[in-house]
Amino acid sequence: MKKLSATSKWGMLVLLGVVLATGFASMEQGRALALIPPGPMCGPDILWICVVPGCPTCPDVLFGGTVCDRIEFEKETGRVCTPFPG
């Protein structure tokens, strides 16, 4: 077998370094994309129908807002909201 020249050895080392750097960079990018902020993603406004549990005489309330708005509304009023089917 032929012996590799010094230039070929350096070329292989540079190529190996580029491959390793690309691999590490792609791993870091994937890890950064995996970090999703905690909590609900609020999303678009939708229509909710909200009721007071265990109170058949209490009127249903129609509420428009995001998921985050609904969570706050439920905390403030004690109602439970579900998406309006109509």
C-alpha atoms as a PDB file:
ATOM      1  CA  MET A   1       0.000   0.000   0.000  1.00  0.00           C
ATOM      2  CA  LYS A   2       1.083   3.520  -0.629  1.00  0.00           C
ATOM      3  CA  LYS A   3       1.893   5.757   2.279  1.00  0.00           C
ATOM      4  CA  LEU A   4      -0.214   8.897   2.637  1.00  0.00           C
ATOM      5  CA  SER A   5       1.648  12.128   2.131  1.00  0.00           C
ATOM      6  CA  ALA A   6       1.658  14.805   4.814  1.00  0.00           C
ATOM      7  CA  THR A   7      -0.801  16.887   2.761  1.00  0.00           C
ATOM      8  CA  SER A   8      -3.246  13.999   2.533  1.00  0.00           C
ATOM      9  CA  LYS A   9      -3.019  13.414   6.287  1.00  0.00           C
ATOM     10  CA  TRP A  10      -3.794  17.092   7.000  1.00  0.00           C
ATOM     11  CA  GLY A  11      -6.616  17.014   4.481  1.00  0.00           C
ATOM     12  CA  MET A  12      -8.176  13.999   6.208  1.00  0.00           C
ATOM     13  CA  LEU A  13      -7.834  15.676   9.622  1.00  0.00           C
ATOM     14  CA  VAL A  14      -9.491  18.870   8.338  1.00  0.00           C
ATOM     15  CA  LEU A  15     -12.307  16.836   6.765  1.00  0.00           C
ATOM     16  CA  LEU A  16     -12.820  14.916  10.016  1.00  0.00           C
ATOM     17  CA  GLY A  17     -12.914  18.221  11.951  1.00  0.00           C
ATOM     18  CA  VAL A  18     -15.538  19.655   9.596  1.00  0.00           C
ATOM     19  CA  VAL A  19     -17.691  16.533   9.909  1.00  0.00           C
ATOM     20  CA  LEU A  20     -17.480  16.603  13.719  1.00  0.00           C
ATOM     21  CA  ALA A  21     -18.241  20.324  13.882  1.00  0.00           C
ATOM     22  CA  THR A  22     -21.264  19.891  11.605  1.00  0.00           C
ATOM     23  CA  GLY A  23     -22.518  17.000  13.738  1.00  0.00           C
ATOM     24  CA  PHE A  24     -22.189  18.947  16.988  1.00  0.00           C
ATOM     25  CA  ALA A  25     -23.842  22.013  15.460  1.00  0.00           C
ATOM     26  CA  SER A  26     -26.817  19.996  14.244  1.00  0.00           C
ATOM     27  CA  MET A  27     -27.202  18.355  17.659  1.00  0.00           C
ATOM     28  CA  GLU A  28     -27.230  21.738  19.408  1.00  0.00           C
ATOM     29  CA  GLN A  29     -29.809  23.115  16.980  1.00  0.00           C
ATOM     30  CA  GLY A  30     -32.080  20.118  17.627  1.00  0.00           C
ATOM     31  CA  ARG A  31     -31.758  20.594  21.380  1.00  0.00           C
ATOM     32  CA  ALA A  32     -32.652  24.284  21.063  1.00  0.00           C
ATOM     33  CA  LEU A  33     -35.746  23.448  19.009  1.00  0.00           C
ATOM     34  CA  ALA A  34     -36.824  20.912  21.632  1.00  0.00           C
ATOM     35  CA  LEU A  35     -37.054  23.599  24.325  1.00  0.00           C
ATOM     36  CA  ILE A  36     -40.716  24.570  24.059  1.00  0.00           C
ATOM     37  CA  PRO A  37     -41.841  27.190  26.542  1.00  0.00           C
ATOM     38  CA  PRO A  38     -43.824  25.693  29.437  1.00  0.00           C
ATOM     39  CA  GLY A  39     -47.530  26.274  29.754  1.00  0.00           C
ATOM     40  CA  PRO A  40     -50.362  26.270  27.276  1.00  0.00           C
ATOM     41  CA  MET A  41     -49.999  27.699  23.816  1.00  0.00           C
ATOM     42  CA  CYS A  42     -52.815  30.247  23.768  1.00  0.00           C
ATOM     43  CA  GLY A  43     -53.718  29.871  20.095  1.00  0.00           C
ATOM     44  CA  PRO A  44     -56.521  31.669  18.253  1.00  0.00           C
ATOM     45  CA  ASP A  45     -59.773  32.970  19.694  1.00  0.00           C
ATOM     46  CA  ILE A  46     -62.537  30.371  19.788  1.00  0.00           C
ATOM     47  CA  LEU A  47     -66.052  30.335  21.210  1.00  0.00           C
ATOM     48  CA  TRP A  48     -66.612  28.603  24.569  1.00  0.00           C
ATOM     49  CA  ILE A  49     -69.788  27.657  26.445  1.00  0.00           C
ATOM     50  CA  CYS A  50     -69.267  28.045  30.199  1.00  0.00           C
ATOM     51  CA  VAL A  51     -71.437  26.545  32.951  1.00  0.00           C
ATOM     52  CA  VAL A  52     -71.404  26.508  36.744  1.00  0.00           C
ATOM     53  CA  PRO A  53     -70.991  22.864  37.805  1.00  0.00           C
ATOM     54  CA  GLY A  54     -73.857  21.567  39.948  1.00  0.00           C
ATOM     55  CA  CYS A  55     -76.095  24.593  39.369  1.00  0.00           C
ATOM     56  CA  PRO A  56     -78.967  23.733  36.985  1.00  0.00           C
ATOM     57  CA  THR A  57     -80.589  27.174  37.394  1.00  0.00           C
ATOM     58  CA  CYS A  58     -77.453  29.178  36.586  1.00  0.00           C
ATOM     59  CA  PRO A  59     -77.421  30.443  32.979  1.00  0.00           C
ATOM     60  CA  ASP A  60     -74.834  29.234  30.494  1.00  0.00           C
ATOM     61  CA  VAL A  61     -72.420  31.931  29.354  1.00  0.00           C
ATOM     62  CA  LEU A  62     -70.972  32.194  25.855  1.00  0.00           C
ATOM     63  CA  PHE A  63     -67.337  33.328  26.011  1.00  0.00           C
ATOM     64  CA  GLY A  64     -64.929  34.169  23.190  1.00  0.00           C
ATOM     65  CA  GLY A  65     -61.187  33.987  23.793  1.00  0.00           C
ATOM     66  CA  THR A  66     -58.000  31.974  23.631  1.00  0.00           C
ATOM     67  CA  VAL A  67     -57.149  28.987  25.793  1.00  0.00           C
ATOM     68  CA  CYS A  68     -55.222  31.311  28.136  1.00  0.00           C
ATOM     69  CA  ASP A  69     -58.245  33.656  28.357  1.00  0.00           C
ATOM     70  CA  ARG A  70     -60.484  30.680  29.149  1.00  0.00           C
ATOM     71  CA  ILE A  71     -58.199  29.521  31.968  1.00  0.00           C
ATOM     72  CA  GLU A  72     -58.282  32.987  33.545  1.00  0.00           C
ATOM     73  CA  PHE A  73     -62.082  33.231  33.093  1.00  0.00           C
ATOM     74  CA  GLU A  74     -62.562  29.860  34.789  1.00  0.00           C
ATOM     75  CA  LYS A  75     -60.361  30.905  37.733  1.00  0.00           C
ATOM     76  CA  GLU A  76     -62.258  34.184  38.198  1.00  0.00           C
ATOM     77  CA  THR A  77     -65.816  32.865  37.819  1.00  0.00           C
ATOM     78  CA  GLY A  78     -65.666  29.215  38.950  1.00  0.00           C
ATOM     79  CA  ARG A  79     -67.287  28.155  35.678  1.00  0.00           C
ATOM     80  CA  VAL A  80     -66.132  25.272  33.502  1.00  0.00           C
ATOM     81  CA  CYS A  81     -65.844  25.991  29.786  1.00  0.00           C
ATOM     82  CA  THR A  82     -65.911  23.652  26.789  1.00  0.00           C
ATOM     83  CA  PRO A  83     -65.666  24.525  23.085  1.00  0.00           C
ATOM     84  CA  PHE A  84     -69.008  25.702  21.678  1.00  0.00           C
ATOM     85  CA  PRO A  85     -70.208  23.062  19.175  1.00  0.00           C
ATOM     86  CA  GLY A  86     -72.239  25.457  17.029  1.00  0.00           C
END
